[in-house]
């Protein structure tokens, strides 16, 4: 069974989102996503300063089995790409909730409120 921390929000694309004190949204992949991917070997992250709409492809994760897109969970401006994830993508294999990928500053009226709760995401991945 995959781990689903209750303090995070989730997307149906198997990403987690955490709203920070400054209002930015930190994004990573879920434990479920990591298990589906297998051993992650490469991460391509979005360009800082890029404006995106919720659902836009903003990067990619590659594993030994498959490559998959990363999506923006909210609309806004990409503010940070995590250099640690670029340098050590294999850390996602051990702790997908500990290694975040990028941050977005939501646009006016955009928020993580419409994302899935932990209970909703657990139901999604359970069946």
Protein backbone atom coordinates (compact mmCIF):
# COMPACT_ATOMS: atom_id res chain seq x y z
CA UNK A 1 0.00 0.00 0.00
CA UNK A 2 1.28 3.46 -0.90
CA UNK A 3 1.92 6.13 1.70
CA UNK A 4 -0.41 9.17 1.48
CA UNK A 5 0.46 11.97 3.96
CA UNK A 6 -2.70 13.68 5.19
CA UNK A 7 -1.20 17.21 5.21
CA UNK A 8 -0.70 17.36 1.43
CA UNK A 9 -3.00 17.86 -1.57
CA UNK A 10 -2.86 15.56 -4.61
CA UNK A 11 -3.54 15.45 -8.33
CA UNK A 12 -4.95 12.58 -10.36
CA UNK A 13 -1.58 12.68 -12.18
CA UNK A 14 0.00 11.34 -8.95
CA UNK A 15 1.72 14.52 -7.85
CA UNK A 16 1.59 15.99 -4.36
CA UNK A 17 1.28 19.69 -3.58
CA UNK A 18 2.00 21.60 -0.38
CA UNK A 19 0.98 25.24 0.10
CA UNK A 20 3.85 27.08 1.78
CA UNK A 21 3.59 30.01 4.22
CA UNK A 22 4.40 32.47 1.41
CA UNK A 23 1.58 31.09 -0.74
CA UNK A 24 3.78 29.22 -3.20
CA UNK A 25 2.93 25.62 -4.02
CA UNK A 26 5.68 23.00 -3.69
CA UNK A 27 5.22 19.98 -5.99
CA UNK A 28 6.60 16.44 -6.04
CA UNK A 29 5.58 12.94 -7.05
CA UNK A 30 3.67 10.55 -4.81
CA UNK A 31 4.82 7.24 -3.41
CA UNK A 32 2.29 5.59 -5.72
CA UNK A 33 3.83 7.31 -8.75
CA UNK A 34 7.32 6.24 -7.74
CA UNK A 35 6.23 2.61 -7.32
CA UNK A 36 4.59 2.68 -10.77
CA UNK A 37 7.68 4.23 -12.38
CA UNK A 38 10.26 1.99 -10.76
CA UNK A 39 13.81 3.28 -10.33
CA UNK A 40 13.89 6.99 -11.25
CA UNK A 41 17.09 7.86 -13.12
CA UNK A 42 16.48 11.33 -14.61
CA UNK A 43 14.38 14.42 -13.94
CA UNK A 44 13.77 17.31 -16.33
CA UNK A 45 12.33 20.29 -14.45
CA UNK A 46 10.58 23.45 -15.66
CA UNK A 47 12.26 26.73 -16.49
CA UNK A 48 12.02 29.28 -13.69
CA UNK A 49 9.90 32.29 -14.64
CA UNK A 50 7.68 30.36 -17.04
CA UNK A 51 3.96 31.07 -16.71
CA UNK A 52 1.78 27.95 -16.82
CA UNK A 53 -1.84 26.90 -16.68
CA UNK A 54 -3.03 24.07 -14.44
CA UNK A 55 -2.53 20.83 -16.35
CA UNK A 56 0.32 22.11 -18.55
CA UNK A 57 3.28 19.77 -19.04
CA UNK A 58 6.20 21.36 -17.17
CA UNK A 59 8.81 18.61 -17.04
CA UNK A 60 9.51 14.91 -17.18
CA UNK A 61 10.60 12.01 -14.99
CA UNK A 62 12.42 9.07 -16.51
CA UNK A 63 12.81 5.68 -14.88
CA UNK A 64 14.39 2.46 -16.03
CA UNK A 65 10.91 1.43 -17.25
CA UNK A 66 9.27 4.55 -18.67
CA UNK A 67 9.31 8.33 -19.09
CA UNK A 68 6.33 10.34 -17.87
CA UNK A 69 5.33 13.99 -17.92
CA UNK A 70 5.11 16.30 -14.93
CA UNK A 71 2.12 18.65 -14.84
CA UNK A 72 1.43 22.00 -13.20
CA UNK A 73 -1.18 21.38 -10.47
CA UNK A 74 -2.16 25.07 -10.40
CA UNK A 75 -1.84 28.03 -12.77
CA UNK A 76 0.88 30.57 -12.05
CA UNK A 77 4.59 31.26 -12.41
CA UNK A 78 7.30 28.66 -11.86
CA UNK A 79 9.59 30.13 -9.21
CA UNK A 80 12.06 27.37 -8.29
CA UNK A 81 13.34 24.12 -9.77
CA UNK A 82 14.97 21.94 -7.11
CA UNK A 83 18.62 21.48 -8.04
CA UNK A 84 18.87 18.53 -5.62
CA UNK A 85 16.26 16.67 -7.69
CA UNK A 86 18.20 17.38 -10.88
CA UNK A 87 21.51 16.25 -9.34
CA UNK A 88 20.15 13.25 -7.42
CA UNK A 89 16.90 12.03 -9.04
CA UNK A 90 17.46 8.56 -7.55
CA UNK A 91 16.57 10.02 -4.11
CA UNK A 92 12.94 9.96 -5.29
CA UNK A 93 13.14 6.16 -5.12
CA UNK A 94 13.68 6.22 -1.34
CA UNK A 95 11.68 9.30 -0.31
CA UNK A 96 9.31 10.78 -2.90
CA UNK A 97 7.74 13.05 -0.27
CA UNK A 98 11.12 14.30 0.93
CA UNK A 99 12.47 15.41 -2.45
CA UNK A 100 10.29 18.11 -3.99
CA UNK A 101 10.65 19.01 -7.66
CA UNK A 102 9.47 22.58 -8.27
CA UNK A 103 7.49 25.50 -6.87
CA UNK A 104 4.76 27.61 -8.43
CA UNK A 105 3.51 31.02 -7.34
CA UNK A 106 -0.23 30.73 -8.05
CA UNK A 107 -1.84 33.43 -10.14
CA UNK A 108 -4.66 35.61 -8.81
CA UNK A 109 -7.57 33.38 -7.84
CA UNK A 110 -5.62 30.15 -8.45
CA UNK A 111 -5.02 27.87 -5.50
CA UNK A 112 -4.54 24.29 -4.46
CA UNK A 113 -8.08 24.23 -3.02
CA UNK A 114 -9.42 22.24 -5.99
CA UNK A 115 -6.83 19.47 -5.61
CA UNK A 116 -7.59 16.09 -4.05
CA UNK A 117 -7.48 15.53 -0.30
CA UNK A 118 -5.48 12.61 1.09
CA UNK A 119 -8.73 10.63 1.49
CA UNK A 120 -9.79 11.34 -2.11
CA UNK A 121 -6.36 10.41 -3.44
CA UNK A 122 -6.27 7.19 -1.39
CA UNK A 123 -9.64 6.25 -2.90
CA UNK A 124 -8.29 7.03 -6.40
CA UNK A 125 -5.25 4.77 -6.08
CA UNK A 126 -7.15 2.01 -4.27
CA UNK A 127 -9.26 1.17 -7.11
